[in-house]
Amino acid sequence: MLEASFLNLSDRRAEDGTVSVTPAWEVQEHTGATSWFQVRLAFEDGARVDALAVVAGGQVSIEDVKAWPALSLADLTVLADWIEEPLCRACGMESYADEEPGTDEDGGPGTDEDGGPGGAPRARPAWPRGIEGRWLVAQEYRAAQEEGLDPVLAVMCATGHSRRRSLRLIAQARDAGFLTPRHARR
């Protein structure tokens, strides 16, 4: 029986764990679909991680994670490395693992979290701050509306932020005048 207080994924080897991905459900939309997948990372000692992944607009995000024993914050960042390849295979997408290390999607030098060259891809896409970021949020929002998709989900996928943070970005874009006011003022 496992008695550790944290799972310590970074101390484990790939051969020790088994990742299984099963489709949970799918919602068809006008121009595409949003799919949910159940992901399980299991180890022989009884440790396991269950996650619910969402694929929408070519983006993969994790909605829910349950682990026994608990995951530390460092392990939560390592979890993506464990499940990325099997999840992308199940979704029919290519993973970052297919890219050459130290390069971005254009084949140029990549950057790490500190902005230095040659790092691994970031879990969240780089998103500009300030007025440029607000303008891009408005563009994503309007494009999703025109396609009949959920505009908040489109901003979530584009920025990699949570629903709450994406709603805050949308409100900032409204305040900057890039989107129409939510309610008519009297």
N, C-alpha and C. Protein backbone atom coordinates (compact mmCIF):
# COMPACT_ATOMS: atom_id res chain seq x y z
N MET A 1 0.84 -1.19 0.00
CA MET A 1 0.00 0.00 0.00
C MET A 1 0.87 1.23 0.00
N LEU A 2 0.50 2.24 -0.74
CA LEU A 2 1.25 3.46 -0.88
C LEU A 2 0.98 4.37 0.31
N GLU A 3 2.04 4.91 0.93
CA GLU A 3 1.87 5.75 2.10
C GLU A 3 2.49 7.13 1.92
N ALA A 4 2.85 7.51 0.72
CA ALA A 4 3.47 8.81 0.48
C ALA A 4 2.43 9.91 0.60
N SER A 5 2.87 11.11 1.00
CA SER A 5 1.93 12.22 1.12
C SER A 5 1.68 12.90 -0.23
N PHE A 6 2.67 12.82 -1.15
CA PHE A 6 2.50 13.35 -2.50
C PHE A 6 2.94 12.30 -3.50
N LEU A 7 2.42 12.39 -4.72
CA LEU A 7 2.68 11.39 -5.75
C LEU A 7 4.11 11.45 -6.30
N ASN A 8 4.71 12.64 -6.40
CA ASN A 8 6.07 12.84 -6.92
C ASN A 8 6.25 12.25 -8.31
N LEU A 9 5.53 12.79 -9.28
CA LEU A 9 5.63 12.33 -10.66
C LEU A 9 7.02 12.53 -11.24
N SER A 10 7.70 13.58 -10.81
CA SER A 10 9.02 13.86 -11.37
C SER A 10 10.06 12.81 -10.96
N ASP A 11 9.79 12.06 -9.90
CA ASP A 11 10.71 11.02 -9.46
C ASP A 11 10.41 9.66 -10.09
N ARG A 12 9.37 9.58 -10.90
CA ARG A 12 8.97 8.30 -11.50
C ARG A 12 9.41 8.23 -12.95
N ARG A 13 9.52 7.00 -13.45
CA ARG A 13 9.93 6.76 -14.83
C ARG A 13 8.70 6.44 -15.68
N ALA A 14 8.82 6.66 -16.96
CA ALA A 14 7.69 6.42 -17.87
C ALA A 14 7.25 4.97 -17.87
N GLU A 15 8.20 4.04 -17.69
CA GLU A 15 7.86 2.62 -17.69
C GLU A 15 7.01 2.22 -16.49
N ASP A 16 7.06 3.03 -15.42
CA ASP A 16 6.33 2.69 -14.19
C ASP A 16 4.83 2.96 -14.30
N GLY A 17 4.43 3.85 -15.20
CA GLY A 17 3.02 4.23 -15.27
C GLY A 17 2.38 3.85 -16.59
N THR A 18 1.07 3.72 -16.56
CA THR A 18 0.28 3.40 -17.74
C THR A 18 -0.76 4.50 -17.92
N VAL A 19 -0.82 5.08 -19.11
CA VAL A 19 -1.79 6.12 -19.40
C VAL A 19 -2.86 5.54 -20.31
N SER A 20 -4.12 5.70 -19.91
CA SER A 20 -5.23 5.28 -20.77
C SER A 20 -6.13 6.50 -21.03
N VAL A 21 -6.60 6.63 -22.26
CA VAL A 21 -7.46 7.74 -22.66
C VAL A 21 -8.71 7.15 -23.28
N THR A 22 -9.88 7.53 -22.75
CA THR A 22 -11.14 7.05 -23.30
C THR A 22 -12.07 8.23 -23.57
N PRO A 23 -12.74 8.25 -24.72
CA PRO A 23 -13.69 9.34 -25.00
C PRO A 23 -14.83 9.31 -23.99
N ALA A 24 -15.21 10.47 -23.48
CA ALA A 24 -16.31 10.56 -22.53
C ALA A 24 -17.60 10.98 -23.25
N TRP A 25 -17.59 12.15 -23.89
CA TRP A 25 -18.72 12.60 -24.67
C TRP A 25 -18.28 13.68 -25.63
N GLU A 26 -19.20 14.03 -26.56
CA GLU A 26 -18.88 15.01 -27.58
C GLU A 26 -20.11 15.84 -27.86
N VAL A 27 -19.92 17.14 -28.06
CA VAL A 27 -21.01 18.05 -28.41
C VAL A 27 -20.72 18.60 -29.79
N GLN A 28 -21.64 18.35 -30.73
CA GLN A 28 -21.48 18.84 -32.10
C GLN A 28 -21.96 20.28 -32.16
N GLU A 29 -21.16 21.14 -32.82
CA GLU A 29 -21.52 22.54 -33.01
C GLU A 29 -21.62 22.80 -34.51
N HIS A 30 -21.91 24.03 -34.88
CA HIS A 30 -22.10 24.36 -36.30
C HIS A 30 -20.87 24.01 -37.14
N THR A 31 -19.69 24.42 -36.68
CA THR A 31 -18.49 24.24 -37.50
C THR A 31 -17.53 23.20 -36.94
N GLY A 32 -17.86 22.55 -35.88
CA GLY A 32 -16.94 21.57 -35.30
C GLY A 32 -17.58 20.87 -34.13
N ALA A 33 -16.71 20.41 -33.23
CA ALA A 33 -17.20 19.68 -32.07
C ALA A 33 -16.30 19.97 -30.88
N THR A 34 -16.87 19.83 -29.69
CA THR A 34 -16.11 19.88 -28.45
C THR A 34 -16.18 18.49 -27.86
N SER A 35 -15.01 17.93 -27.55
CA SER A 35 -14.94 16.55 -27.05
C SER A 35 -14.30 16.51 -25.68
N TRP A 36 -14.79 15.61 -24.84
CA TRP A 36 -14.22 15.39 -23.52
C TRP A 36 -13.62 13.98 -23.48
N PHE A 37 -12.48 13.85 -22.82
CA PHE A 37 -11.80 12.57 -22.69
C PHE A 37 -11.45 12.33 -21.23
N GLN A 38 -11.63 11.09 -20.80
CA GLN A 38 -11.18 10.70 -19.47
C GLN A 38 -9.77 10.14 -19.61
N VAL A 39 -8.86 10.66 -18.80
CA VAL A 39 -7.46 10.25 -18.85
C VAL A 39 -7.09 9.66 -17.49
N ARG A 40 -6.47 8.48 -17.51
CA ARG A 40 -6.03 7.87 -16.26
C ARG A 40 -4.56 7.51 -16.37
N LEU A 41 -3.80 7.95 -15.38
CA LEU A 41 -2.39 7.59 -15.24
C LEU A 41 -2.31 6.72 -13.99
N ALA A 42 -1.99 5.44 -14.18
CA ALA A 42 -1.99 4.48 -13.07
C ALA A 42 -0.60 3.87 -12.89
N PHE A 43 -0.25 3.61 -11.64
CA PHE A 43 1.03 2.99 -11.29
C PHE A 43 0.79 1.69 -10.56
N GLU A 44 1.79 0.80 -10.62
CA GLU A 44 1.66 -0.52 -9.99
C GLU A 44 1.48 -0.45 -8.48
N ASP A 45 1.99 0.60 -7.84
CA ASP A 45 1.89 0.72 -6.39
C ASP A 45 0.54 1.26 -5.92
N GLY A 46 -0.40 1.46 -6.85
CA GLY A 46 -1.74 1.91 -6.48
C GLY A 46 -1.96 3.40 -6.67
N ALA A 47 -0.92 4.16 -6.90
CA ALA A 47 -1.07 5.59 -7.14
C ALA A 47 -1.75 5.79 -8.49
N ARG A 48 -2.57 6.84 -8.59
CA ARG A 48 -3.25 7.10 -9.85
C ARG A 48 -3.63 8.58 -9.95
N VAL A 49 -3.80 9.02 -11.18
CA VAL A 49 -4.26 10.37 -11.48
C VAL A 49 -5.36 10.23 -12.51
N ASP A 50 -6.52 10.81 -12.23
CA ASP A 50 -7.64 10.84 -13.17
C ASP A 50 -7.85 12.28 -13.60
N ALA A 51 -8.00 12.52 -14.90
CA ALA A 51 -8.19 13.87 -15.41
C ALA A 51 -9.30 13.86 -16.45
N LEU A 52 -9.94 15.01 -16.60
CA LEU A 52 -10.94 15.20 -17.64
C LEU A 52 -10.39 16.26 -18.59
N ALA A 53 -10.14 15.87 -19.83
CA ALA A 53 -9.55 16.77 -20.83
C ALA A 53 -10.62 17.19 -21.83
N VAL A 54 -10.54 18.45 -22.28
CA VAL A 54 -11.48 19.00 -23.24
C VAL A 54 -10.72 19.40 -24.50
N VAL A 55 -11.25 19.02 -25.66
CA VAL A 55 -10.66 19.40 -26.93
C VAL A 55 -11.69 20.24 -27.66
N ALA A 56 -11.33 21.51 -27.91
CA ALA A 56 -12.22 22.43 -28.61
C ALA A 56 -11.37 23.36 -29.46
N GLY A 57 -11.74 23.51 -30.70
CA GLY A 57 -11.03 24.44 -31.57
C GLY A 57 -9.56 24.11 -31.74
N GLY A 58 -9.21 22.84 -31.70
CA GLY A 58 -7.81 22.46 -31.87
C GLY A 58 -6.95 22.67 -30.64
N GLN A 59 -7.55 23.04 -29.54
CA GLN A 59 -6.84 23.27 -28.28
C GLN A 59 -7.25 22.20 -27.27
N VAL A 60 -6.30 21.76 -26.45
CA VAL A 60 -6.57 20.79 -25.39
C VAL A 60 -6.40 21.48 -24.05
N SER A 61 -7.38 21.31 -23.18
CA SER A 61 -7.26 21.85 -21.83
C SER A 61 -7.77 20.80 -20.84
N ILE A 62 -7.30 20.91 -19.62
CA ILE A 62 -7.68 19.98 -18.56
C ILE A 62 -8.71 20.67 -17.67
N GLU A 63 -9.87 20.03 -17.51
CA GLU A 63 -10.93 20.61 -16.69
C GLU A 63 -10.84 20.17 -15.23
N ASP A 64 -10.50 18.91 -15.00
CA ASP A 64 -10.55 18.38 -13.65
C ASP A 64 -9.42 17.38 -13.46
N VAL A 65 -8.80 17.39 -12.28
CA VAL A 65 -7.74 16.44 -11.95
C VAL A 65 -7.99 15.91 -10.54
N LYS A 66 -7.96 14.59 -10.41
CA LYS A 66 -8.05 13.94 -9.10
C LYS A 66 -6.88 12.97 -9.00
N ALA A 67 -6.21 12.98 -7.87
CA ALA A 67 -5.04 12.11 -7.72
C ALA A 67 -5.02 11.49 -6.34
N TRP A 68 -4.47 10.28 -6.29
CA TRP A 68 -4.24 9.61 -5.02
C TRP A 68 -2.87 8.97 -5.06
N PRO A 69 -1.96 9.33 -4.18
CA PRO A 69 -2.03 10.45 -3.25
C PRO A 69 -2.03 11.78 -3.99
N ALA A 70 -2.16 12.85 -3.26
CA ALA A 70 -2.30 14.18 -3.85
C ALA A 70 -1.10 14.56 -4.71
N LEU A 71 -1.35 15.46 -5.66
CA LEU A 71 -0.29 16.01 -6.50
C LEU A 71 0.21 17.31 -5.89
N SER A 72 1.50 17.50 -5.90
CA SER A 72 2.05 18.80 -5.51
C SER A 72 1.91 19.72 -6.71
N LEU A 73 2.14 21.02 -6.53
CA LEU A 73 2.05 21.94 -7.66
C LEU A 73 3.11 21.62 -8.72
N ALA A 74 4.28 21.19 -8.28
CA ALA A 74 5.33 20.81 -9.23
C ALA A 74 4.88 19.59 -10.04
N ASP A 75 4.21 18.64 -9.40
CA ASP A 75 3.72 17.45 -10.11
C ASP A 75 2.62 17.80 -11.10
N LEU A 76 1.83 18.81 -10.79
CA LEU A 76 0.77 19.22 -11.70
C LEU A 76 1.35 19.71 -13.02
N THR A 77 2.50 20.38 -12.98
CA THR A 77 3.14 20.82 -14.21
C THR A 77 3.76 19.65 -14.96
N VAL A 78 4.24 18.63 -14.24
CA VAL A 78 4.85 17.45 -14.86
C VAL A 78 3.78 16.54 -15.46
N LEU A 79 2.55 16.61 -14.94
CA LEU A 79 1.46 15.77 -15.41
C LEU A 79 1.26 15.91 -16.92
N ALA A 80 1.38 17.12 -17.43
CA ALA A 80 1.20 17.35 -18.87
C ALA A 80 2.18 16.51 -19.69
N ASP A 81 3.42 16.39 -19.23
CA ASP A 81 4.40 15.59 -19.96
C ASP A 81 4.01 14.11 -20.00
N TRP A 82 3.39 13.63 -18.94
CA TRP A 82 2.99 12.22 -18.86
C TRP A 82 1.83 11.91 -19.80
N ILE A 83 0.84 12.81 -19.86
CA ILE A 83 -0.39 12.49 -20.59
C ILE A 83 -0.47 13.10 -21.98
N GLU A 84 0.45 14.00 -22.33
CA GLU A 84 0.33 14.73 -23.59
C GLU A 84 0.28 13.83 -24.82
N GLU A 85 1.24 12.96 -24.98
CA GLU A 85 1.33 12.15 -26.20
C GLU A 85 0.12 11.21 -26.36
N PRO A 86 -0.26 10.42 -25.32
CA PRO A 86 -1.43 9.54 -25.50
C PRO A 86 -2.73 10.33 -25.73
N LEU A 87 -2.86 11.48 -25.08
CA LEU A 87 -4.06 12.29 -25.24
C LEU A 87 -4.13 12.87 -26.66
N CYS A 88 -3.02 13.38 -27.15
CA CYS A 88 -3.00 13.93 -28.51
C CYS A 88 -3.26 12.84 -29.54
N ARG A 89 -2.73 11.64 -29.31
CA ARG A 89 -2.99 10.52 -30.22
C ARG A 89 -4.48 10.20 -30.26
N ALA A 90 -5.12 10.16 -29.07
CA ALA A 90 -6.55 9.85 -29.00
C ALA A 90 -7.40 10.94 -29.65
N CYS A 91 -6.92 12.18 -29.61
CA CYS A 91 -7.65 13.31 -30.19
C CYS A 91 -7.37 13.48 -31.67
N GLY A 92 -6.34 12.80 -32.18
CA GLY A 92 -5.96 12.96 -33.57
C GLY A 92 -5.19 14.24 -33.81
N MET A 93 -4.46 14.71 -32.80
CA MET A 93 -3.67 15.94 -32.92
C MET A 93 -2.20 15.59 -32.80
N GLU A 94 -1.33 16.52 -33.26
CA GLU A 94 0.09 16.32 -33.06
C GLU A 94 0.48 16.97 -31.73
N SER A 95 1.45 16.39 -31.06
CA SER A 95 1.86 16.91 -29.75
C SER A 95 3.13 17.72 -29.89
N TYR A 96 3.46 18.47 -28.83
CA TYR A 96 4.71 19.22 -28.78
C TYR A 96 5.89 18.27 -28.83
N ALA A 97 5.69 17.03 -28.39
CA ALA A 97 6.78 16.06 -28.38
C ALA A 97 7.26 15.76 -29.79
N ASP A 98 6.38 16.00 -30.80
CA ASP A 98 6.76 15.76 -32.18
C ASP A 98 7.68 16.83 -32.73
N GLU A 99 7.71 18.02 -32.06
CA GLU A 99 8.57 19.10 -32.51
C GLU A 99 9.99 18.88 -32.05
N GLU A 100 10.91 19.50 -32.74
CA GLU A 100 12.31 19.43 -32.35
C GLU A 100 12.51 20.26 -31.09
N PRO A 101 13.18 19.71 -30.05
CA PRO A 101 13.38 20.47 -28.83
C PRO A 101 14.13 21.76 -29.11
N GLY A 102 13.69 22.82 -28.37
CA GLY A 102 14.36 24.10 -28.50
C GLY A 102 13.90 24.91 -29.69
N THR A 103 12.78 24.52 -30.33
CA THR A 103 12.25 25.30 -31.44
C THR A 103 10.79 25.60 -31.18
N ASP A 104 10.34 26.71 -31.78
CA ASP A 104 8.91 27.00 -31.70
C ASP A 104 8.24 26.45 -32.95
N GLU A 105 6.92 26.78 -33.15
CA GLU A 105 6.24 26.17 -34.28
C GLU A 105 6.79 26.60 -35.62
N ASP A 106 7.45 27.75 -35.70
CA ASP A 106 8.03 28.22 -36.95
C ASP A 106 9.40 27.62 -37.23
N GLY A 107 9.91 26.79 -36.32
CA GLY A 107 11.21 26.19 -36.50
C GLY A 107 12.34 27.06 -35.97
N GLY A 108 11.98 28.22 -35.42
CA GLY A 108 12.99 29.12 -34.85
C GLY A 108 13.32 28.71 -33.44
N PRO A 109 14.29 29.38 -32.81
CA PRO A 109 14.64 29.03 -31.45
C PRO A 109 13.47 29.28 -30.51
N GLY A 110 13.21 28.33 -29.62
CA GLY A 110 12.15 28.46 -28.63
C GLY A 110 12.65 29.21 -27.42
N THR A 111 11.72 29.47 -26.48
CA THR A 111 12.11 30.13 -25.24
C THR A 111 11.54 29.37 -24.07
N ASP A 112 12.22 29.45 -22.94
CA ASP A 112 11.70 28.81 -21.74
C ASP A 112 10.87 29.83 -20.96
N GLU A 113 10.36 29.46 -19.77
CA GLU A 113 9.50 30.34 -19.00
C GLU A 113 10.20 31.64 -18.62
N ASP A 114 11.51 31.62 -18.50
CA ASP A 114 12.26 32.82 -18.14
C ASP A 114 12.56 33.69 -19.35
N GLY A 115 12.13 33.25 -20.52
CA GLY A 115 12.40 33.99 -21.74
C GLY A 115 13.72 33.60 -22.38
N GLY A 116 14.43 32.64 -21.81
CA GLY A 116 15.70 32.20 -22.36
C GLY A 116 15.49 31.23 -23.49
N PRO A 117 16.50 31.04 -24.33
CA PRO A 117 16.34 30.16 -25.49
C PRO A 117 16.36 28.69 -25.10
N GLY A 118 15.73 27.88 -25.97
CA GLY A 118 15.88 26.43 -25.90
C GLY A 118 15.08 25.71 -24.85
N GLY A 119 14.03 26.30 -24.32
CA GLY A 119 13.26 25.63 -23.29
C GLY A 119 12.16 24.78 -23.87
N ALA A 120 11.46 24.06 -23.01
CA ALA A 120 10.32 23.24 -23.42
C ALA A 120 9.14 24.16 -23.70
N PRO A 121 8.16 23.72 -24.51
CA PRO A 121 6.99 24.53 -24.78
C PRO A 121 6.22 24.81 -23.50
N ARG A 122 5.63 25.98 -23.43
CA ARG A 122 4.86 26.36 -22.25
C ARG A 122 3.49 25.73 -22.30
N ALA A 123 2.92 25.45 -21.14
CA ALA A 123 1.59 24.88 -21.07
C ALA A 123 0.55 25.90 -21.54
N ARG A 124 0.77 27.18 -21.26
CA ARG A 124 -0.14 28.23 -21.66
C ARG A 124 0.51 29.02 -22.77
N PRO A 125 -0.22 29.27 -23.86
CA PRO A 125 0.38 30.03 -24.95
C PRO A 125 0.74 31.44 -24.48
N ALA A 126 1.79 32.00 -25.05
CA ALA A 126 2.17 33.37 -24.73
C ALA A 126 1.08 34.30 -25.23
N TRP A 127 0.62 35.20 -24.39
CA TRP A 127 -0.44 36.11 -24.77
C TRP A 127 0.02 37.51 -24.42
N PRO A 128 -0.04 38.44 -25.37
CA PRO A 128 0.44 39.79 -25.08
C PRO A 128 -0.42 40.48 -24.02
N ARG A 129 0.22 41.34 -23.28
CA ARG A 129 -0.50 42.10 -22.25
C ARG A 129 -0.89 43.46 -22.80
N GLY A 130 -1.64 44.17 -22.02
CA GLY A 130 -1.99 45.54 -22.38
C GLY A 130 -2.99 45.62 -23.51
N ILE A 131 -2.90 46.73 -24.24
CA ILE A 131 -3.87 47.04 -25.27
C ILE A 131 -3.87 46.02 -26.41
N GLU A 132 -2.69 45.49 -26.75
CA GLU A 132 -2.61 44.49 -27.82
C GLU A 132 -3.34 43.21 -27.42
N GLY A 133 -3.17 42.78 -26.17
CA GLY A 133 -3.86 41.58 -25.68
C GLY A 133 -5.36 41.77 -25.66
N ARG A 134 -5.82 42.96 -25.27
CA ARG A 134 -7.26 43.24 -25.25
C ARG A 134 -7.83 43.23 -26.66
N TRP A 135 -7.06 43.78 -27.62
CA TRP A 135 -7.51 43.79 -29.01
C TRP A 135 -7.62 42.36 -29.53
N LEU A 136 -6.63 41.51 -29.22
CA LEU A 136 -6.67 40.12 -29.66
C LEU A 136 -7.82 39.35 -29.02
N VAL A 137 -8.11 39.63 -27.75
CA VAL A 137 -9.26 39.01 -27.07
C VAL A 137 -10.54 39.38 -27.81
N ALA A 138 -10.67 40.65 -28.17
CA ALA A 138 -11.87 41.09 -28.89
C ALA A 138 -11.97 40.40 -30.26
N GLN A 139 -10.85 40.22 -30.95
CA GLN A 139 -10.85 39.54 -32.24
C GLN A 139 -11.32 38.10 -32.10
N GLU A 140 -10.78 37.39 -31.09
CA GLU A 140 -11.19 35.99 -30.85
C GLU A 140 -12.68 35.92 -30.50
N TYR A 141 -13.13 36.85 -29.66
CA TYR A 141 -14.52 36.89 -29.21
C TYR A 141 -15.45 37.08 -30.41
N ARG A 142 -15.16 38.09 -31.26
CA ARG A 142 -16.01 38.36 -32.42
C ARG A 142 -15.98 37.24 -33.44
N ALA A 143 -14.82 36.64 -33.66
CA ALA A 143 -14.71 35.54 -34.62
C ALA A 143 -15.56 34.35 -34.17
N ALA A 144 -15.54 34.06 -32.88
CA ALA A 144 -16.36 32.95 -32.37
C ALA A 144 -17.85 33.26 -32.50
N GLN A 145 -18.23 34.51 -32.23
CA GLN A 145 -19.63 34.90 -32.38
C GLN A 145 -20.09 34.73 -33.83
N GLU A 146 -19.26 35.16 -34.77
CA GLU A 146 -19.62 35.06 -36.19
C GLU A 146 -19.76 33.61 -36.64
N GLU A 147 -18.98 32.71 -36.03
CA GLU A 147 -19.04 31.29 -36.38
C GLU A 147 -20.12 30.55 -35.59
N GLY A 148 -20.79 31.25 -34.68
CA GLY A 148 -21.84 30.63 -33.89
C GLY A 148 -21.31 29.79 -32.75
N LEU A 149 -20.06 30.04 -32.32
CA LEU A 149 -19.45 29.29 -31.22
C LEU A 149 -19.52 30.09 -29.93
N ASP A 150 -19.22 29.46 -28.84
CA ASP A 150 -19.19 30.12 -27.54
C ASP A 150 -17.98 31.06 -27.50
N PRO A 151 -18.20 32.39 -27.44
CA PRO A 151 -17.08 33.31 -27.48
C PRO A 151 -16.18 33.23 -26.24
N VAL A 152 -16.75 32.93 -25.09
CA VAL A 152 -15.93 32.83 -23.88
C VAL A 152 -15.01 31.61 -23.98
N LEU A 153 -15.54 30.50 -24.49
CA LEU A 153 -14.72 29.30 -24.67
C LEU A 153 -13.61 29.55 -25.69
N ALA A 154 -13.92 30.33 -26.72
CA ALA A 154 -12.90 30.67 -27.72
C ALA A 154 -11.77 31.47 -27.09
N VAL A 155 -12.11 32.42 -26.22
CA VAL A 155 -11.07 33.21 -25.53
C VAL A 155 -10.29 32.32 -24.58
N MET A 156 -10.98 31.40 -23.91
CA MET A 156 -10.29 30.46 -23.01
C MET A 156 -9.27 29.63 -23.78
N CYS A 157 -9.67 29.11 -24.93
CA CYS A 157 -8.77 28.28 -25.75
C CYS A 157 -7.59 29.09 -26.28
N ALA A 158 -7.87 30.32 -26.70
CA ALA A 158 -6.81 31.15 -27.28
C ALA A 158 -5.79 31.58 -26.24
N THR A 159 -6.26 31.94 -25.05
CA THR A 159 -5.35 32.48 -24.03
C THR A 159 -4.79 31.41 -23.12
N GLY A 160 -5.50 30.29 -22.97
CA GLY A 160 -5.06 29.26 -22.04
C GLY A 160 -5.43 29.57 -20.61
N HIS A 161 -6.27 30.58 -20.41
CA HIS A 161 -6.67 30.98 -19.06
C HIS A 161 -7.99 30.31 -18.67
N SER A 162 -8.29 30.37 -17.39
CA SER A 162 -9.54 29.82 -16.87
C SER A 162 -10.72 30.66 -17.34
N ARG A 163 -11.92 30.16 -17.11
CA ARG A 163 -13.12 30.89 -17.49
C ARG A 163 -13.19 32.24 -16.79
N ARG A 164 -12.90 32.26 -15.50
CA ARG A 164 -12.96 33.51 -14.73
C ARG A 164 -11.97 34.54 -15.27
N ARG A 165 -10.74 34.11 -15.53
CA ARG A 165 -9.72 35.03 -16.05
C ARG A 165 -10.08 35.48 -17.47
N SER A 166 -10.65 34.59 -18.27
CA SER A 166 -11.05 34.96 -19.63
C SER A 166 -12.19 35.97 -19.60
N LEU A 167 -13.14 35.81 -18.69
CA LEU A 167 -14.22 36.79 -18.55
C LEU A 167 -13.67 38.15 -18.14
N ARG A 168 -12.65 38.14 -17.30
CA ARG A 168 -12.00 39.39 -16.89
C ARG A 168 -11.32 40.05 -18.10
N LEU A 169 -10.66 39.25 -18.95
CA LEU A 169 -10.02 39.79 -20.15
C LEU A 169 -11.06 40.36 -21.12
N ILE A 170 -12.20 39.68 -21.24
CA ILE A 170 -13.27 40.16 -22.11
C ILE A 170 -13.81 41.49 -21.59
N ALA A 171 -13.99 41.59 -20.27
CA ALA A 171 -14.46 42.84 -19.67
C ALA A 171 -13.47 43.97 -19.92
N GLN A 172 -12.17 43.67 -19.84
CA GLN A 172 -11.15 44.69 -20.11
C GLN A 172 -11.20 45.13 -21.57
N ALA A 173 -11.47 44.18 -22.48
CA ALA A 173 -11.60 44.53 -23.90
C ALA A 173 -12.83 45.41 -24.11
N ARG A 174 -13.92 45.15 -23.38
CA ARG A 174 -15.11 45.99 -23.46
C ARG A 174 -14.79 47.40 -22.96
N ASP A 175 -14.10 47.46 -21.81
CA ASP A 175 -13.75 48.76 -21.22
C ASP A 175 -12.84 49.56 -22.14
N ALA A 176 -12.00 48.86 -22.91
CA ALA A 176 -11.09 49.54 -23.84
C ALA A 176 -11.81 49.98 -25.12
N GLY A 177 -13.07 49.58 -25.28
CA GLY A 177 -13.86 49.99 -26.44
C GLY A 177 -13.76 49.06 -27.64
N PHE A 178 -13.12 47.88 -27.48
CA PHE A 178 -12.99 46.94 -28.59
C PHE A 178 -14.24 46.09 -28.78
N LEU A 179 -15.07 45.98 -27.75
CA LEU A 179 -16.33 45.23 -27.83
C LEU A 179 -17.46 46.15 -27.41
N THR A 180 -18.67 45.86 -27.89
CA THR A 180 -19.82 46.68 -27.50
C THR A 180 -20.13 46.45 -26.03
N PRO A 181 -20.73 47.47 -25.38
CA PRO A 181 -21.10 47.31 -23.97
C PRO A 181 -22.06 46.15 -23.78
N ARG A 182 -21.96 45.47 -22.67
CA ARG A 182 -22.80 44.30 -22.40
C ARG A 182 -24.25 44.68 -22.25
N HIS A 183 -24.54 45.78 -21.55
CA HIS A 183 -25.91 46.22 -21.32
C HIS A 183 -26.07 47.64 -21.85
N ALA A 184 -27.24 47.93 -22.38
CA ALA A 184 -27.51 49.29 -22.84
C ALA A 184 -27.59 50.22 -21.63
N ARG A 185 -26.92 51.33 -21.75
CA ARG A 185 -26.91 52.30 -20.63
C ARG A 185 -28.09 53.25 -20.82
N ARG A 186 -28.71 53.62 -19.70
CA ARG A 186 -29.88 54.51 -19.76
C ARG A 186 -29.52 55.87 -19.26
